[in-house]
């Protein structure tokens, strides 16, 4: 789990640390001051994130939607203050000072923090990092099937170097034997056809709508009812995208940028939601309120999503 700031709006979500941020004595409190978690280094990221999300969903969150990370117990400990000095020198608390002030920066006041959530999926590839799409390779955290249901932060760099080397060698070999890929006319027309569109919806505002839906309906805690609503809201954003408004400028047109991003975001949002709906269990960072336990008998499986005849298809395969 990573923890992010909850306010002000301009700094919402800014990363401030992982589970070891609590140092030896820090605790998490709810809006009543009750201790929710302590000794957080003993918990996996997923367990910590799920515990925070559960408390917030049960009404224990602050007015900003987070919990209070109380680091004050570390002040009386030499080990705790040693960790503060080391991180302070790295500039890790600069964002906290800017958002919450000097006292919070010095651990004299609790921080309002919310859990950041990881997307555990990725591109399906072979041992050389090669996907089923011609010329597309993936390595590191863009590659699916390495972490399973819970990202392991301590091995992310090793994973990147090992699979990055394999993918790089395979891609280099392929590049010597293939004719360069050309930018298709269809893709070019998709971009130029957007310029100057006089629709009713801003692509950036549609992005914000989609992001709100995904956080509130497909966030850390999930339930079938919310996931079904999310699919409807995703489809509504997709329909509104057909009536998008784009600036006529051809140079540095941020509307085009946001519109192209939104097309990919809609695809990712749908595949995440459909996969979450299909997996009727809780595993790692996937926390189903209506299926709160891990189901090893039926769900020790990966979910694979692919495109066939412009439609999204899903199947599962044993791990």
C-alpha atoms as a PDB file:
ATOM      1  CA  UNK A   1       0.000   0.000   0.000  1.00  0.00           C
ATOM      2  CA  UNK A   2       1.034   3.541  -0.677  1.00  0.00           C
ATOM      3  CA  UNK A   3      -0.506   6.411   1.230  1.00  0.00           C
ATOM      4  CA  UNK A   4      -1.530   9.702  -0.312  1.00  0.00           C
ATOM      5  CA  UNK A   5      -2.649  13.116   0.866  1.00  0.00           C
ATOM      6  CA  UNK A   6      -6.386  13.791   1.040  1.00  0.00           C
ATOM      7  CA  UNK A   7      -6.414  17.590   0.800  1.00  0.00           C
ATOM      8  CA  UNK A   8      -6.238  20.296  -0.421  1.00  0.00           C
ATOM      9  CA  UNK A   9      -7.796  19.370  -3.766  1.00  0.00           C
ATOM     10  CA  UNK A  10      -4.678  20.415  -5.687  1.00  0.00           C
ATOM     11  CA  UNK A  11      -2.591  17.853  -3.742  1.00  0.00           C
ATOM     12  CA  UNK A  12      -5.120  15.063  -3.306  1.00  0.00           C
ATOM     13  CA  UNK A  13      -3.461  11.703  -3.944  1.00  0.00           C
ATOM     14  CA  UNK A  14       0.140  12.960  -3.732  1.00  0.00           C
ATOM     15  CA  UNK A  15       2.289  10.042  -2.536  1.00  0.00           C
ATOM     16  CA  UNK A  16       3.800  10.367   0.948  1.00  0.00           C
ATOM     17  CA  UNK A  17       4.926   6.855   1.828  1.00  0.00           C
ATOM     18  CA  UNK A  18       4.326   3.120   2.123  1.00  0.00           C
ATOM     19  CA  UNK A  19       3.412   0.929   5.095  1.00  0.00           C
ATOM     20  CA  UNK A  20       6.848   1.348   6.682  1.00  0.00           C
ATOM     21  CA  UNK A  21       6.153   5.089   6.868  1.00  0.00           C
ATOM     22  CA  UNK A  22       4.588   4.458  10.302  1.00  0.00           C
ATOM     23  CA  UNK A  23       8.103   3.729  11.641  1.00  0.00           C
ATOM     24  CA  UNK A  24       8.265   1.606  14.822  1.00  0.00           C
ATOM     25  CA  UNK A  25       5.441   3.239  16.791  1.00  0.00           C
ATOM     26  CA  UNK A  26       3.056   5.012  14.405  1.00  0.00           C
ATOM     27  CA  UNK A  27      -0.635   4.080  14.398  1.00  0.00           C
ATOM     28  CA  UNK A  28      -3.697   4.658  12.231  1.00  0.00           C
ATOM     29  CA  UNK A  29      -6.763   6.222  13.853  1.00  0.00           C
ATOM     30  CA  UNK A  30     -10.323   6.731  12.685  1.00  0.00           C
ATOM     31  CA  UNK A  31     -12.353   9.923  12.985  1.00  0.00           C
ATOM     32  CA  UNK A  32     -13.144   9.121  16.641  1.00  0.00           C
ATOM     33  CA  UNK A  33      -9.503   8.729  17.560  1.00  0.00           C
ATOM     34  CA  UNK A  34      -9.696   4.944  17.947  1.00  0.00           C
ATOM     35  CA  UNK A  35      -6.596   2.996  16.899  1.00  0.00           C
ATOM     36  CA  UNK A  36      -7.418   0.939  13.806  1.00  0.00           C
ATOM     37  CA  UNK A  37      -3.976  -0.404  12.975  1.00  0.00           C
ATOM     38  CA  UNK A  38      -0.579  -0.609  14.629  1.00  0.00           C
ATOM     39  CA  UNK A  39       2.649  -2.475  13.857  1.00  0.00           C
ATOM     40  CA  UNK A  40       1.827  -2.030  10.196  1.00  0.00           C
ATOM     41  CA  UNK A  41       5.137  -3.399   8.925  1.00  0.00           C
ATOM     42  CA  UNK A  42       3.763  -6.885   9.631  1.00  0.00           C
ATOM     43  CA  UNK A  43       0.916  -6.469   7.139  1.00  0.00           C
ATOM     44  CA  UNK A  44       0.989  -6.902   3.386  1.00  0.00           C
ATOM     45  CA  UNK A  45       0.039  -3.925   1.251  1.00  0.00           C
ATOM     46  CA  UNK A  46      -3.274  -5.524   0.373  1.00  0.00           C
ATOM     47  CA  UNK A  47      -4.170  -6.342   3.986  1.00  0.00           C
ATOM     48  CA  UNK A  48      -3.359  -2.798   5.069  1.00  0.00           C
ATOM     49  CA  UNK A  49      -5.266  -1.210   2.190  1.00  0.00           C
ATOM     50  CA  UNK A  50      -8.304  -3.418   2.743  1.00  0.00           C
ATOM     51  CA  UNK A  51      -8.378  -2.680   6.476  1.00  0.00           C
ATOM     52  CA  UNK A  52      -8.275   1.060   5.796  1.00  0.00           C
ATOM     53  CA  UNK A  53     -10.937   0.862   3.112  1.00  0.00           C
ATOM     54  CA  UNK A  54     -13.210  -1.235   5.326  1.00  0.00           C
ATOM     55  CA  UNK A  55     -12.983   1.273   8.190  1.00  0.00           C
ATOM     56  CA  UNK A  56     -13.692   4.195   5.865  1.00  0.00           C
ATOM     57  CA  UNK A  57     -16.680   2.381   4.324  1.00  0.00           C
ATOM     58  CA  UNK A  58     -18.092   1.788   7.826  1.00  0.00           C
ATOM     59  CA  UNK A  59     -18.081   5.496   8.625  1.00  0.00           C
ATOM     60  CA  UNK A  60     -14.705   5.826  10.318  1.00  0.00           C
ATOM     61  CA  UNK A  61     -13.204   8.117   7.679  1.00  0.00           C
ATOM     62  CA  UNK A  62     -12.363  11.769   8.142  1.00  0.00           C
ATOM     63  CA  UNK A  63     -14.243  14.547   6.378  1.00  0.00           C
ATOM     64  CA  UNK A  64     -11.632  14.276   3.635  1.00  0.00           C
ATOM     65  CA  UNK A  65     -12.255  10.546   3.146  1.00  0.00           C
ATOM     66  CA  UNK A  66      -9.087   9.252   4.811  1.00  0.00           C
ATOM     67  CA  UNK A  67      -7.760   8.059   8.160  1.00  0.00           C
ATOM     68  CA  UNK A  68      -5.339   9.709  10.570  1.00  0.00           C
ATOM     69  CA  UNK A  69      -1.751   8.484  10.481  1.00  0.00           C
ATOM     70  CA  UNK A  70      -0.493   9.380  13.958  1.00  0.00           C
ATOM     71  CA  UNK A  71       3.303   9.422  13.987  1.00  0.00           C
ATOM     72  CA  UNK A  72       3.637  11.237  17.333  1.00  0.00           C
ATOM     73  CA  UNK A  73       4.557   8.077  19.325  1.00  0.00           C
ATOM     74  CA  UNK A  74       7.828   7.977  17.351  1.00  0.00           C
ATOM     75  CA  UNK A  75       8.998  11.345  18.695  1.00  0.00           C
ATOM     76  CA  UNK A  76      10.117   9.849  22.026  1.00  0.00           C
ATOM     77  CA  UNK A  77      12.045   7.056  20.309  1.00  0.00           C
ATOM     78  CA  UNK A  78      15.590   7.432  18.993  1.00  0.00           C
ATOM     79  CA  UNK A  79      14.823   4.842  16.320  1.00  0.00           C
ATOM     80  CA  UNK A  80      11.722   6.751  15.295  1.00  0.00           C
ATOM     81  CA  UNK A  81      13.464  10.111  15.087  1.00  0.00           C
ATOM     82  CA  UNK A  82      16.354   8.515  13.235  1.00  0.00           C
ATOM     83  CA  UNK A  83      13.886   7.411  10.582  1.00  0.00           C
ATOM     84  CA  UNK A  84      12.356  10.906  10.507  1.00  0.00           C
ATOM     85  CA  UNK A  85      15.766  12.522   9.928  1.00  0.00           C
ATOM     86  CA  UNK A  86      16.713  10.085   7.166  1.00  0.00           C
ATOM     87  CA  UNK A  87      13.453  10.595   5.280  1.00  0.00           C
ATOM     88  CA  UNK A  88      13.421  14.322   5.866  1.00  0.00           C
ATOM     89  CA  UNK A  89      16.846  14.592   4.208  1.00  0.00           C
ATOM     90  CA  UNK A  90      15.464  12.760   1.167  1.00  0.00           C
ATOM     91  CA  UNK A  91      12.676  15.338   0.909  1.00  0.00           C
ATOM     92  CA  UNK A  92       9.992  12.708   1.555  1.00  0.00           C
ATOM     93  CA  UNK A  93       7.968  15.032   3.785  1.00  0.00           C
ATOM     94  CA  UNK A  94       8.124  18.190   1.654  1.00  0.00           C
ATOM     95  CA  UNK A  95       4.622  17.588   0.275  1.00  0.00           C
ATOM     96  CA  UNK A  96       3.276  17.109   3.799  1.00  0.00           C
ATOM     97  CA  UNK A  97       4.786  20.413   4.916  1.00  0.00           C
ATOM     98  CA  UNK A  98       3.199  22.170   1.950  1.00  0.00           C
ATOM     99  CA  UNK A  99      -0.237  20.575   2.431  1.00  0.00           C
ATOM    100  CA  UNK A 100      -0.568  20.170   6.206  1.00  0.00           C
ATOM    101  CA  UNK A 101       1.952  22.579   7.716  1.00  0.00           C
ATOM    102  CA  UNK A 102       5.070  22.596   9.870  1.00  0.00           C
ATOM    103  CA  UNK A 103       3.659  20.645  12.842  1.00  0.00           C
ATOM    104  CA  UNK A 104       2.594  17.743  10.623  1.00  0.00           C
ATOM    105  CA  UNK A 105       5.975  17.849   8.886  1.00  0.00           C
ATOM    106  CA  UNK A 106       7.629  17.337  12.293  1.00  0.00           C
ATOM    107  CA  UNK A 107       5.216  14.494  13.195  1.00  0.00           C
ATOM    108  CA  UNK A 108       3.642  16.631  15.917  1.00  0.00           C
ATOM    109  CA  UNK A 109       0.192  16.397  14.293  1.00  0.00           C
ATOM    110  CA  UNK A 110      -1.472  13.385  12.597  1.00  0.00           C
ATOM    111  CA  UNK A 111      -1.662  13.231   8.807  1.00  0.00           C
ATOM    112  CA  UNK A 112      -4.919  12.693   6.981  1.00  0.00           C
ATOM    113  CA  UNK A 113      -4.085   9.898   4.513  1.00  0.00           C
ATOM    114  CA  UNK A 114      -5.981   7.658   2.118  1.00  0.00           C
ATOM    115  CA  UNK A 115      -4.802   4.368   0.619  1.00  0.00           C
ATOM    116  CA  UNK A 116      -3.572   4.335  -2.954  1.00  0.00           C
ATOM    117  CA  UNK A 117      -4.682   1.354  -4.986  1.00  0.00           C
ATOM    118  CA  UNK A 118      -2.771  -0.747  -7.492  1.00  0.00           C
ATOM    119  CA  UNK A 119      -4.040  -2.282 -10.694  1.00  0.00           C
ATOM    120  CA  UNK A 120      -2.676  -5.821 -10.551  1.00  0.00           C
ATOM    121  CA  UNK A 121      -3.239  -6.813 -14.157  1.00  0.00           C
ATOM    122  CA  UNK A 122      -1.062  -6.340 -17.193  1.00  0.00           C
ATOM    123  CA  UNK A 123      -0.231  -7.469 -20.696  1.00  0.00           C
ATOM    124  CA  UNK A 124      -0.239 -11.254 -21.183  1.00  0.00           C
ATOM    125  CA  UNK A 125       3.187 -12.236 -22.534  1.00  0.00           C
ATOM    126  CA  UNK A 126       5.453 -15.239 -22.905  1.00  0.00           C
ATOM    127  CA  UNK A 127       8.830 -15.695 -21.192  1.00  0.00           C
ATOM    128  CA  UNK A 128      10.423 -13.325 -23.718  1.00  0.00           C
ATOM    129  CA  UNK A 129       7.949 -10.547 -22.946  1.00  0.00           C
ATOM    130  CA  UNK A 130       6.199 -11.015 -26.307  1.00  0.00           C
ATOM    131  CA  UNK A 131       2.445 -10.410 -26.492  1.00  0.00           C
ATOM    132  CA  UNK A 132      -0.084 -11.619 -29.072  1.00  0.00           C
ATOM    133  CA  UNK A 133       0.039  -8.168 -30.715  1.00  0.00           C
ATOM    134  CA  UNK A 134       2.700  -7.937 -33.388  1.00  0.00           C
ATOM    135  CA  UNK A 135       5.681  -5.923 -32.187  1.00  0.00           C
ATOM    136  CA  UNK A 136       4.312  -5.361 -28.665  1.00  0.00           C
ATOM    137  CA  UNK A 137       6.506  -6.434 -25.748  1.00  0.00           C
ATOM    138  CA  UNK A 138       6.009  -5.836 -22.039  1.00  0.00           C
ATOM    139  CA  UNK A 139       8.201  -6.070 -18.958  1.00  0.00           C
ATOM    140  CA  UNK A 140       8.092  -5.042 -15.332  1.00  0.00           C
ATOM    141  CA  UNK A 141       4.797  -3.904 -13.884  1.00  0.00           C
ATOM    142  CA  UNK A 142       3.215  -3.579 -17.333  1.00  0.00           C
ATOM    143  CA  UNK A 143       3.429  -7.376 -17.570  1.00  0.00           C
ATOM    144  CA  UNK A 144       0.597  -9.496 -16.142  1.00  0.00           C
ATOM    145  CA  UNK A 145       0.903 -12.640 -14.062  1.00  0.00           C
ATOM    146  CA  UNK A 146       3.940 -11.830 -11.934  1.00  0.00           C
ATOM    147  CA  UNK A 147       2.483 -10.498  -8.687  1.00  0.00           C
ATOM    148  CA  UNK A 148      -0.845 -12.295  -8.663  1.00  0.00           C
ATOM    149  CA  UNK A 149      -3.374 -10.532  -6.439  1.00  0.00           C
ATOM    150  CA  UNK A 150      -0.908  -8.420  -4.432  1.00  0.00           C
ATOM    151  CA  UNK A 151       1.937  -6.308  -5.755  1.00  0.00           C
ATOM    152  CA  UNK A 152       5.237  -7.108  -4.052  1.00  0.00           C
ATOM    153  CA  UNK A 153       7.111  -3.827  -3.849  1.00  0.00           C
ATOM    154  CA  UNK A 154      10.415  -5.317  -2.711  1.00  0.00           C
ATOM    155  CA  UNK A 155      10.944  -7.219  -5.974  1.00  0.00           C
ATOM    156  CA  UNK A 156       9.703  -4.657  -8.496  1.00  0.00           C
ATOM    157  CA  UNK A 157      13.165  -3.526  -9.618  1.00  0.00           C
ATOM    158  CA  UNK A 158      14.569  -7.058  -9.865  1.00  0.00           C
ATOM    159  CA  UNK A 159      11.543  -8.060 -11.923  1.00  0.00           C
ATOM    160  CA  UNK A 160      12.044  -5.081 -14.221  1.00  0.00           C
ATOM    161  CA  UNK A 161      15.699  -5.844 -14.888  1.00  0.00           C
ATOM    162  CA  UNK A 162      15.220  -9.586 -15.433  1.00  0.00           C
ATOM    163  CA  UNK A 163      12.209  -9.415 -17.725  1.00  0.00           C
ATOM    164  CA  UNK A 164      13.281  -6.133 -19.275  1.00  0.00           C
ATOM    165  CA  UNK A 165      16.526  -7.751 -20.423  1.00  0.00           C
ATOM    166  CA  UNK A 166      14.652 -10.737 -21.894  1.00  0.00           C
ATOM    167  CA  UNK A 167      12.064  -8.540 -23.624  1.00  0.00           C
ATOM    168  CA  UNK A 168      14.713  -6.167 -24.947  1.00  0.00           C
ATOM    169  CA  UNK A 169      16.747  -8.975 -26.503  1.00  0.00           C
ATOM    170  CA  UNK A 170      13.660 -10.548 -28.094  1.00  0.00           C
ATOM    171  CA  UNK A 171      12.449  -7.212 -29.458  1.00  0.00           C
ATOM    172  CA  UNK A 172      15.876  -6.468 -30.903  1.00  0.00           C
ATOM    173  CA  UNK A 173      15.957  -9.826 -32.680  1.00  0.00           C
ATOM    174  CA  UNK A 174      12.488  -9.245 -34.131  1.00  0.00           C
ATOM    175  CA  UNK A 175      13.317  -5.724 -35.292  1.00  0.00           C
ATOM    176  CA  UNK A 176      16.062  -7.103 -37.541  1.00  0.00           C
ATOM    177  CA  UNK A 177      13.707  -9.419 -39.378  1.00  0.00           C
ATOM    178  CA  UNK A 178      10.540  -7.346 -39.728  1.00  0.00           C
ATOM    179  CA  UNK A 179       9.483  -4.483 -41.969  1.00  0.00           C
ATOM    180  CA  UNK A 180       8.862  -1.344 -39.866  1.00  0.00           C
ATOM    181  CA  UNK A 181       5.260  -0.851 -38.777  1.00  0.00           C
ATOM    182  CA  UNK A 182       3.507   2.134 -40.321  1.00  0.00           C
ATOM    183  CA  UNK A 183       0.994   4.455 -38.737  1.00  0.00           C
ATOM    184  CA  UNK A 184      -2.327   3.373 -40.211  1.00  0.00           C
ATOM    185  CA  UNK A 185      -4.634   5.723 -42.110  1.00  0.00           C
ATOM    186  CA  UNK A 186      -7.437   4.694 -39.753  1.00  0.00           C
ATOM    187  CA  UNK A 187      -5.516   5.936 -36.705  1.00  0.00           C
ATOM    188  CA  UNK A 188      -4.566   9.156 -38.490  1.00  0.00           C
ATOM    189  CA  UNK A 189      -8.192   9.817 -39.440  1.00  0.00           C
ATOM    190  CA  UNK A 190      -9.254   9.112 -35.857  1.00  0.00           C
ATOM    191  CA  UNK A 191      -7.021  11.943 -34.624  1.00  0.00           C
ATOM    192  CA  UNK A 192      -7.662  14.482 -37.379  1.00  0.00           C
ATOM    193  CA  UNK A 193     -11.390  13.736 -37.313  1.00  0.00           C
ATOM    194  CA  UNK A 194     -11.575  14.874 -33.701  1.00  0.00           C
ATOM    195  CA  UNK A 195     -10.097  18.314 -34.318  1.00  0.00           C
ATOM    196  CA  UNK A 196     -12.715  21.038 -34.253  1.00  0.00           C
ATOM    197  CA  UNK A 197     -15.586  18.812 -33.177  1.00  0.00           C
ATOM    198  CA  UNK A 198     -18.402  21.014 -31.857  1.00  0.00           C
ATOM    199  CA  UNK A 199     -19.994  18.734 -29.291  1.00  0.00           C
ATOM    200  CA  UNK A 200     -21.491  19.209 -25.857  1.00  0.00           C
ATOM    201  CA  UNK A 201     -18.905  17.484 -23.650  1.00  0.00           C
ATOM    202  CA  UNK A 202     -15.364  18.384 -22.629  1.00  0.00           C
ATOM    203  CA  UNK A 203     -13.039  15.343 -22.898  1.00  0.00           C
ATOM    204  CA  UNK A 204     -11.323  16.360 -19.656  1.00  0.00           C
ATOM    205  CA  UNK A 205     -14.642  16.535 -17.788  1.00  0.00           C
ATOM    206  CA  UNK A 206     -15.573  13.128 -19.179  1.00  0.00           C
ATOM    207  CA  UNK A 207     -12.254  11.818 -17.858  1.00  0.00           C
ATOM    208  CA  UNK A 208     -13.090  13.173 -14.403  1.00  0.00           C
ATOM    209  CA  UNK A 209     -16.521  11.519 -14.524  1.00  0.00           C
ATOM    210  CA  UNK A 210     -14.954   8.198 -15.422  1.00  0.00           C
ATOM    211  CA  UNK A 211     -12.321   8.498 -12.690  1.00  0.00           C
ATOM    212  CA  UNK A 212     -15.003   9.291 -10.100  1.00  0.00           C
ATOM    213  CA  UNK A 213     -16.997   6.240 -11.157  1.00  0.00           C
ATOM    214  CA  UNK A 214     -13.975   3.949 -10.966  1.00  0.00           C
ATOM    215  CA  UNK A 215     -12.923   5.178  -7.513  1.00  0.00           C
ATOM    216  CA  UNK A 216     -16.404   5.087  -5.990  1.00  0.00           C
ATOM    217  CA  UNK A 217     -17.745   1.933  -7.697  1.00  0.00           C
ATOM    218  CA  UNK A 218     -14.652  -0.120  -8.553  1.00  0.00           C
ATOM    219  CA  UNK A 219     -12.240   1.070  -5.879  1.00  0.00           C
ATOM    220  CA  UNK A 220     -10.677  -0.852  -3.035  1.00  0.00           C
ATOM    221  CA  UNK A 221     -13.940  -2.318  -1.703  1.00  0.00           C
ATOM    222  CA  UNK A 222     -16.177  -3.834  -4.378  1.00  0.00           C
ATOM    223  CA  UNK A 223     -19.716  -5.201  -4.529  1.00  0.00           C
ATOM    224  CA  UNK A 224     -21.756  -6.629  -7.398  1.00  0.00           C
ATOM    225  CA  UNK A 225     -24.361  -3.844  -7.182  1.00  0.00           C
ATOM    226  CA  UNK A 226     -21.698  -1.127  -7.500  1.00  0.00           C
ATOM    227  CA  UNK A 227     -19.889  -2.956 -10.287  1.00  0.00           C
ATOM    228  CA  UNK A 228     -23.100  -3.240 -12.308  1.00  0.00           C
ATOM    229  CA  UNK A 229     -23.757   0.490 -11.856  1.00  0.00           C
ATOM    230  CA  UNK A 230     -20.169   1.196 -12.912  1.00  0.00           C
ATOM    231  CA  UNK A 231     -20.660  -0.675 -16.199  1.00  0.00           C
ATOM    232  CA  UNK A 232     -23.716   1.473 -16.956  1.00  0.00           C
ATOM    233  CA  UNK A 233     -21.862   4.682 -16.082  1.00  0.00           C
ATOM    234  CA  UNK A 234     -18.873   3.670 -18.234  1.00  0.00           C
ATOM    235  CA  UNK A 235     -21.234   3.130 -21.157  1.00  0.00           C
ATOM    236  CA  UNK A 236     -22.829   6.539 -20.541  1.00  0.00           C
ATOM    237  CA  UNK A 237     -19.413   8.220 -20.700  1.00  0.00           C
ATOM    238  CA  UNK A 238     -18.671   6.286 -23.910  1.00  0.00           C
ATOM    239  CA  UNK A 239     -21.924   7.547 -25.475  1.00  0.00           C
ATOM    240  CA  UNK A 240     -21.202  11.130 -24.410  1.00  0.00           C
ATOM    241  CA  UNK A 241     -17.752  10.848 -25.974  1.00  0.00           C
ATOM    242  CA  UNK A 242     -19.496  10.663 -29.365  1.00  0.00           C
ATOM    243  CA  UNK A 243     -20.648  14.241 -28.695  1.00  0.00           C
ATOM    244  CA  UNK A 244     -17.290  15.577 -27.532  1.00  0.00           C
ATOM    245  CA  UNK A 245     -16.129  19.169 -28.038  1.00  0.00           C
ATOM    246  CA  UNK A 246     -12.570  19.645 -29.371  1.00  0.00           C
ATOM    247  CA  UNK A 247     -10.621  22.836 -29.976  1.00  0.00           C
ATOM    248  CA  UNK A 248      -9.861  23.554 -33.694  1.00  0.00           C
ATOM    249  CA  UNK A 249      -6.189  24.342 -32.952  1.00  0.00           C
ATOM    250  CA  UNK A 250      -3.698  21.949 -34.522  1.00  0.00           C
ATOM    251  CA  UNK A 251      -0.715  22.887 -32.364  1.00  0.00           C
ATOM    252  CA  UNK A 252      -0.551  21.848 -28.703  1.00  0.00           C
ATOM    253  CA  UNK A 253      -4.200  20.847 -28.634  1.00  0.00           C
ATOM    254  CA  UNK A 254      -4.737  19.398 -25.158  1.00  0.00           C
ATOM    255  CA  UNK A 255      -8.337  18.476 -26.019  1.00  0.00           C
ATOM    256  CA  UNK A 256      -6.996  15.924 -28.505  1.00  0.00           C
ATOM    257  CA  UNK A 257      -4.633  14.577 -25.872  1.00  0.00           C
ATOM    258  CA  UNK A 258      -7.463  14.166 -23.338  1.00  0.00           C
ATOM    259  CA  UNK A 259      -9.786  12.645 -25.951  1.00  0.00           C
ATOM    260  CA  UNK A 260      -7.254   9.994 -27.030  1.00  0.00           C
ATOM    261  CA  UNK A 261      -6.471   9.221 -23.389  1.00  0.00           C
ATOM    262  CA  UNK A 262     -10.175   8.860 -22.649  1.00  0.00           C
ATOM    263  CA  UNK A 263     -10.636   6.270 -25.392  1.00  0.00           C
ATOM    264  CA  UNK A 264      -8.007   4.059 -23.750  1.00  0.00           C
ATOM    265  CA  UNK A 265      -9.294   4.812 -20.247  1.00  0.00           C
ATOM    266  CA  UNK A 266     -12.765   3.607 -21.233  1.00  0.00           C
ATOM    267  CA  UNK A 267     -11.356   0.323 -22.489  1.00  0.00           C
ATOM    268  CA  UNK A 268      -9.283  -0.188 -19.335  1.00  0.00           C
ATOM    269  CA  UNK A 269     -12.201   0.775 -17.084  1.00  0.00           C
ATOM    270  CA  UNK A 270     -14.514  -1.740 -18.705  1.00  0.00           C
ATOM    271  CA  UNK A 271     -12.059  -4.639 -18.614  1.00  0.00           C
ATOM    272  CA  UNK A 272     -11.198  -3.957 -14.943  1.00  0.00           C
ATOM    273  CA  UNK A 273     -14.868  -3.775 -13.983  1.00  0.00           C
ATOM    274  CA  UNK A 274     -15.903  -6.885 -15.907  1.00  0.00           C
ATOM    275  CA  UNK A 275     -12.976  -8.831 -14.445  1.00  0.00           C
ATOM    276  CA  UNK A 276     -13.822  -7.659 -10.913  1.00  0.00           C
ATOM    277  CA  UNK A 277     -17.435  -8.712 -11.425  1.00  0.00           C
ATOM    278  CA  UNK A 278     -16.399 -12.140 -12.657  1.00  0.00           C
ATOM    279  CA  UNK A 279     -14.052 -12.908  -9.743  1.00  0.00           C
ATOM    280  CA  UNK A 280     -16.425 -13.837  -6.924  1.00  0.00           C
ATOM    281  CA  UNK A 281     -13.924 -13.910  -4.071  1.00  0.00           C
ATOM    282  CA  UNK A 282     -11.492 -11.671  -2.202  1.00  0.00           C
ATOM    283  CA  UNK A 283      -7.834 -12.043  -3.207  1.00  0.00           C
ATOM    284  CA  UNK A 284      -5.013  -9.601  -2.561  1.00  0.00           C
ATOM    285  CA  UNK A 285      -6.010  -6.120  -3.629  1.00  0.00           C
ATOM    286  CA  UNK A 286      -9.342  -7.373  -5.022  1.00  0.00           C
ATOM    287  CA  UNK A 287     -11.710  -7.017  -2.040  1.00  0.00           C
ATOM    288  CA  UNK A 288     -15.332  -8.104  -2.638  1.00  0.00           C
ATOM    289  CA  UNK A 289     -17.651  -7.141   0.226  1.00  0.00           C
ATOM    290  CA  UNK A 290     -20.181  -9.721  -1.016  1.00  0.00           C
ATOM    291  CA  UNK A 291     -17.498 -12.439  -1.290  1.00  0.00           C
ATOM    292  CA  UNK A 292     -15.131 -11.595   1.601  1.00  0.00           C
ATOM    293  CA  UNK A 293     -13.082 -14.827   1.590  1.00  0.00           C
ATOM    294  CA  UNK A 294     -10.469 -16.329  -0.710  1.00  0.00           C
ATOM    295  CA  UNK A 295     -11.784 -19.254  -2.777  1.00  0.00           C
ATOM    296  CA  UNK A 296      -8.801 -21.455  -3.601  1.00  0.00           C
ATOM    297  CA  UNK A 297     -10.969 -24.261  -4.979  1.00  0.00           C
ATOM    298  CA  UNK A 298     -12.653 -22.231  -7.717  1.00  0.00           C
ATOM    299  CA  UNK A 299     -10.598 -19.067  -8.175  1.00  0.00           C
ATOM    300  CA  UNK A 300      -6.936 -19.988  -8.210  1.00  0.00           C
ATOM    301  CA  UNK A 301      -7.104 -18.723 -11.770  1.00  0.00           C
ATOM    302  CA  UNK A 302      -6.079 -15.787 -13.930  1.00  0.00           C
ATOM    303  CA  UNK A 303      -8.631 -13.759 -15.851  1.00  0.00           C
ATOM    304  CA  UNK A 304      -7.671 -13.018 -19.463  1.00  0.00           C
ATOM    305  CA  UNK A 305      -9.404 -10.284 -21.461  1.00  0.00           C
ATOM    306  CA  UNK A 306      -8.946  -9.997 -25.226  1.00  0.00           C
ATOM    307  CA  UNK A 307     -10.504  -8.353 -28.257  1.00  0.00           C
ATOM    308  CA  UNK A 308     -12.356 -10.345 -30.903  1.00  0.00           C
ATOM    309  CA  UNK A 309     -14.304  -8.711 -33.728  1.00  0.00           C
ATOM    310  CA  UNK A 310     -14.328  -5.387 -31.832  1.00  0.00           C
ATOM    311  CA  UNK A 311     -15.863  -7.030 -28.768  1.00  0.00           C
ATOM    312  CA  UNK A 312     -14.340  -7.648 -25.350  1.00  0.00           C
ATOM    313  CA  UNK A 313     -14.034 -11.361 -24.550  1.00  0.00           C
ATOM    314  CA  UNK A 314     -13.083 -12.883 -21.192  1.00  0.00           C
ATOM    315  CA  UNK A 315     -11.909 -16.329 -20.149  1.00  0.00           C
ATOM    316  CA  UNK A 316     -10.087 -17.782 -17.140  1.00  0.00           C
ATOM    317  CA  UNK A 317      -7.094 -20.103 -16.981  1.00  0.00           C
ATOM    318  CA  UNK A 318      -5.583 -22.062 -14.118  1.00  0.00           C
ATOM    319  CA  UNK A 319      -2.506 -20.599 -12.426  1.00  0.00           C
END
